Amino acid sequence: MNWLAIDTATSRASVALGSSSADAREESLLGARQHAKSLIPMVERLLTAAGLTLDDVAGLVVADGPGSFTGLRVGAAFAKGLADTRGTALRIAPSLAARAMTVAEPGTRVLAVTDALRGDVYVAGYRFTGATLETVITPRVMKGDDLVVIANGFDRVVGDVAPAHASELGDRYRGDPPPDARALLDLRQLDGGTLAITDVHAWEPVYGRPAEAQAKWELDHGRALPGAAGAGG
């Protein structure tokens, strides 16, 4: 079965089509401001190259954050539209789980990291046990300087790590491979790797923190932005 995988959680959009990373076609684009206008053409090119149409897509698997506010909204809007109008199955996975999947082997514990701006990082920890993904640390925001401490007990660390911290992690640090939607196809095959979304309208990505514009407005005004997620009133 061909599934369409979408990861727009960072400045690099990645789209993949296939049943697993082994047989999937993938296309990527760097530049967060390009996501909105480029996502649909990327999908169309993958389908054309494979000789398929949307009718041949069994389902969608989407990285639902944490990550870029704008990027996640673009990916979610596309997925919601397709799931709502065509009844396409929708599954989600943390963007950090997809990063961890790129360096995972059975029996390993992987800590995945991405930049959260303002000196913070998003982190999550996972244990891969054959056909199962176990979440050890749920996705959260923390200070980058605390990363080395939380990394204790993990076999591998992957993602956006400052050079000084990478040096402290030694050979446990496996670099910062670019986000690749093919990892989502592999997560779909693991017990606990993805979550089925049954109420498409109620689902929202896990942004992790407010958008930069919202954070600046709230700092300047000393109160929550009216109408923003989590705002009172």
Protein backbone atom coordinates (compact mmCIF):
# COMPACT_ATOMS: atom_id res chain seq x y z
CA MET A 1 0.00 0.00 0.00
CA ASN A 2 1.21 3.47 -0.85
CA TRP A 3 1.05 6.02 1.94
CA LEU A 4 1.81 9.71 1.61
CA ALA A 5 4.12 11.05 4.35
CA ILE A 6 4.54 14.75 5.11
CA ASP A 7 7.03 16.47 7.41
CA THR A 8 6.84 20.27 7.47
CA ALA A 9 7.89 20.72 11.11
CA THR A 10 11.13 22.51 10.23
CA SER A 11 12.46 24.80 7.50
CA ARG A 12 12.95 21.70 5.33
CA ALA A 13 9.74 20.28 3.93
CA SER A 14 9.90 16.60 3.07
CA VAL A 15 7.26 14.50 1.30
CA ALA A 16 7.47 10.76 0.65
CA LEU A 17 5.30 8.24 -1.15
CA GLY A 18 5.51 4.49 -0.62
CA SER A 19 5.00 1.73 1.91
CA SER A 20 8.34 2.09 3.71
CA SER A 21 11.63 3.96 3.42
CA ALA A 22 13.02 1.09 1.37
CA ASP A 23 10.67 1.60 -1.58
CA ALA A 24 9.55 5.23 -1.16
CA ARG A 25 10.10 8.22 -3.41
CA GLU A 26 11.00 11.41 -1.52
CA GLU A 27 11.18 15.07 -2.41
CA SER A 28 12.34 17.91 -0.18
CA LEU A 29 12.57 21.68 -0.24
CA LEU A 30 14.55 24.00 2.01
CA GLY A 31 13.00 27.30 3.06
CA ALA A 32 10.12 27.71 5.51
CA ARG A 33 8.55 30.49 3.44
CA GLN A 34 8.24 28.08 0.52
CA HIS A 35 6.12 25.44 2.26
CA ALA A 36 2.66 26.86 1.54
CA LYS A 37 3.12 27.29 -2.22
CA SER A 38 5.29 24.22 -2.76
CA LEU A 39 3.67 21.38 -0.82
CA ILE A 40 0.93 20.52 -3.32
CA PRO A 41 3.28 20.63 -6.36
CA MET A 42 5.72 18.37 -4.47
CA VAL A 43 2.95 15.84 -3.86
CA GLU A 44 1.81 16.05 -7.48
CA ARG A 45 5.33 15.41 -8.77
CA LEU A 46 5.73 12.34 -6.55
CA LEU A 47 2.41 10.91 -7.72
CA THR A 48 3.24 11.57 -11.37
CA ALA A 49 6.69 9.97 -11.05
CA ALA A 50 5.12 6.87 -9.49
CA GLY A 51 2.32 6.73 -12.06
CA LEU A 52 -0.29 7.10 -9.33
CA THR A 53 -3.16 9.40 -8.38
CA LEU A 54 -4.64 10.37 -5.03
CA ASP A 55 -7.05 7.45 -5.46
CA ASP A 56 -4.07 5.12 -5.07
CA VAL A 57 -3.01 6.63 -1.72
CA ALA A 58 -4.11 4.42 1.18
CA GLY A 59 -3.52 7.05 3.82
CA LEU A 60 -1.54 9.99 5.14
CA VAL A 61 1.04 10.01 7.90
CA VAL A 62 2.01 13.48 9.11
CA ALA A 63 4.64 14.82 11.49
CA ASP A 64 2.52 16.78 13.96
CA GLY A 65 5.23 18.67 15.85
CA PRO A 66 6.64 20.19 17.84
CA GLY A 67 8.26 22.55 15.40
CA SER A 68 7.70 25.53 13.15
CA PHE A 69 4.28 27.08 13.76
CA THR A 70 3.79 28.06 10.12
CA GLY A 71 5.24 24.86 8.70
CA LEU A 72 3.06 22.66 10.87
CA ARG A 73 -0.06 24.62 9.93
CA VAL A 74 0.71 24.17 6.23
CA GLY A 75 1.11 20.41 6.57
CA ALA A 76 -1.95 20.08 8.80
CA ALA A 77 -4.15 22.12 6.45
CA PHE A 78 -3.22 19.91 3.51
CA ALA A 79 -3.76 16.70 5.49
CA LYS A 80 -7.09 17.87 6.92
CA GLY A 81 -8.34 18.89 3.51
CA LEU A 82 -7.46 15.56 1.95
CA ALA A 83 -8.81 13.51 4.84
CA ASP A 84 -12.03 15.51 5.00
CA THR A 85 -12.87 15.67 1.30
CA ARG A 86 -11.66 12.22 0.23
CA GLY A 87 -11.99 10.24 3.46
CA THR A 88 -8.29 9.39 3.36
CA ALA A 89 -7.00 7.71 6.53
CA LEU A 90 -4.84 10.02 8.65
CA ARG A 91 -2.15 9.03 11.13
CA ILE A 92 0.26 11.30 12.98
CA ALA A 93 3.63 10.95 14.67
CA PRO A 94 5.82 13.37 16.63
CA SER A 95 8.35 15.08 14.40
CA LEU A 96 11.02 14.14 16.95
CA ALA A 97 10.13 10.45 16.64
CA ALA A 98 10.76 10.73 12.92
CA ARG A 99 14.19 12.24 13.61
CA ALA A 100 14.96 9.46 16.08
CA MET A 101 13.91 6.84 13.55
CA THR A 102 16.72 7.89 11.21
CA VAL A 103 19.40 6.54 13.59
CA ALA A 104 17.43 3.85 15.43
CA GLU A 105 18.25 0.18 15.69
CA PRO A 106 16.45 -2.48 17.77
CA GLY A 107 17.28 -2.12 21.44
CA THR A 108 18.50 1.47 21.25
CA ARG A 109 17.33 4.48 23.23
CA VAL A 110 17.44 7.65 21.14
CA LEU A 111 17.11 11.27 22.25
CA ALA A 112 15.96 13.55 19.42
CA VAL A 113 16.54 17.32 19.48
CA THR A 114 15.43 20.29 17.37
CA ASP A 115 15.90 24.03 17.79
CA ALA A 116 13.04 25.81 19.59
CA LEU A 117 14.62 29.30 19.28
CA ARG A 118 15.44 31.73 22.09
CA GLY A 119 18.11 29.36 23.48
CA ASP A 120 15.67 26.48 23.91
CA VAL A 121 15.36 23.08 22.27
CA TYR A 122 12.56 20.58 21.72
CA VAL A 123 13.50 17.12 22.98
CA ALA A 124 11.90 13.69 23.14
CA GLY A 125 13.27 10.26 23.97
CA TYR A 126 12.37 6.90 22.46
CA ARG A 127 13.27 3.24 22.84
CA PHE A 128 13.13 1.03 19.78
CA THR A 129 12.46 -2.63 20.56
CA GLY A 130 12.05 -4.50 17.31
CA ALA A 131 8.48 -3.89 16.13
CA THR A 132 7.65 -1.44 18.93
CA LEU A 133 8.33 2.23 19.66
CA GLU A 134 8.24 3.20 23.33
CA THR A 135 8.14 6.87 24.32
CA VAL A 136 10.59 7.41 27.18
CA ILE A 137 10.38 11.23 27.30
CA THR A 138 7.38 12.96 25.74
CA PRO A 139 8.16 15.97 23.49
CA ARG A 140 8.91 19.10 25.53
CA VAL A 141 10.77 22.41 25.54
CA MET A 142 13.90 22.81 27.63
CA LYS A 143 17.00 24.96 27.86
CA GLY A 144 19.73 23.91 25.49
CA ASP A 145 22.26 24.00 28.33
CA ASP A 146 20.35 21.21 30.11
CA LEU A 147 20.56 18.85 27.17
CA VAL A 148 23.65 16.93 28.28
CA VAL A 149 22.05 16.08 31.63
CA ILE A 150 18.84 14.74 30.13
CA ALA A 151 20.87 12.78 27.55
CA ASN A 152 22.20 10.50 30.28
CA GLY A 153 20.78 7.03 29.79
CA PHE A 154 20.38 7.37 26.03
CA ASP A 155 22.48 5.42 23.55
CA ARG A 156 22.23 8.00 20.79
CA VAL A 157 21.43 11.67 20.42
CA VAL A 158 20.36 13.10 17.08
CA GLY A 159 19.35 16.54 15.87
CA ASP A 160 20.18 20.20 16.28
CA VAL A 161 22.78 20.20 19.05
CA ALA A 162 25.18 23.08 19.79
CA PRO A 163 28.85 22.24 19.05
CA ALA A 164 29.84 22.52 22.72
CA HIS A 165 27.13 20.08 23.76
CA ALA A 166 27.94 17.75 20.89
CA SER A 167 31.50 17.55 22.14
CA GLU A 168 30.29 16.59 25.62
CA LEU A 169 28.04 13.89 24.19
CA GLY A 170 30.95 12.25 22.38
CA ASP A 171 30.18 9.35 20.07
CA ARG A 172 26.58 9.20 21.28
CA TYR A 173 25.86 12.23 19.11
CA ARG A 174 24.92 11.07 15.60
CA GLY A 175 24.73 14.44 13.88
CA ASP A 176 21.82 16.40 12.46
CA PRO A 177 20.45 14.53 9.45
CA PRO A 178 17.81 16.54 7.56
CA PRO A 179 14.16 15.69 8.25
CA ASP A 180 13.05 12.90 5.93
CA ALA A 181 9.39 11.94 5.55
CA ARG A 182 10.41 8.38 4.70
CA ALA A 183 11.02 7.86 8.42
CA LEU A 184 7.29 8.44 8.99
CA LEU A 185 6.51 5.52 6.69
CA ASP A 186 8.69 3.29 8.86
CA LEU A 187 7.14 4.61 12.07
CA ARG A 188 3.73 3.63 10.72
CA GLN A 189 4.82 0.01 10.82
CA LEU A 190 5.84 0.12 14.49
CA ASP A 191 3.46 -0.55 17.34
CA GLY A 192 3.20 2.83 19.09
CA GLY A 193 4.84 4.64 16.20
CA THR A 194 1.81 6.55 14.94
CA LEU A 195 -1.65 7.53 16.14
CA ALA A 196 -4.83 7.31 14.07
CA ILE A 197 -6.88 10.52 13.87
CA THR A 198 -10.60 9.82 13.82
CA ASP A 199 -11.85 13.39 14.33
CA VAL A 200 -10.04 15.34 11.61
CA HIS A 201 -11.71 18.66 12.48
CA ALA A 202 -10.64 18.53 16.14
CA TRP A 203 -7.02 17.58 15.45
CA GLU A 204 -4.35 20.29 15.69
CA PRO A 205 -0.57 19.91 15.51
CA VAL A 206 1.53 20.09 18.68
CA TYR A 207 3.24 23.43 18.12
CA GLY A 208 5.32 23.17 21.29
CA ARG A 209 5.30 26.89 21.94
CA PRO A 210 3.67 30.04 20.53
CA ALA A 211 4.75 31.45 17.19
CA GLU A 212 7.46 34.12 17.36
CA ALA A 213 5.00 36.88 16.47
CA GLN A 214 2.62 35.77 19.21
CA ALA A 215 5.41 35.51 21.78
CA LYS A 216 6.61 39.05 20.94
CA TRP A 217 3.06 40.47 21.15
CA GLU A 218 2.46 38.86 24.54
CA LEU A 219 5.84 40.08 25.84
CA ASP A 220 5.11 43.62 24.69
CA HIS A 221 1.56 43.67 26.07
CA GLY A 222 2.01 41.55 29.19
CA ARG A 223 -0.99 39.33 28.44
CA ALA A 224 -2.11 36.46 26.23
CA LEU A 225 -2.89 37.24 22.62
CA PRO A 226 -6.70 37.29 22.22
CA GLY A 227 -7.95 34.28 20.28
CA ALA A 228 -4.63 32.43 20.51
CA ALA A 229 -4.43 28.83 21.62
CA GLY A 230 -4.48 28.75 25.42
CA ALA A 231 -5.67 32.32 25.76
CA GLY A 232 -8.38 33.02 28.25
CA GLY A 233 -11.68 34.79 27.58
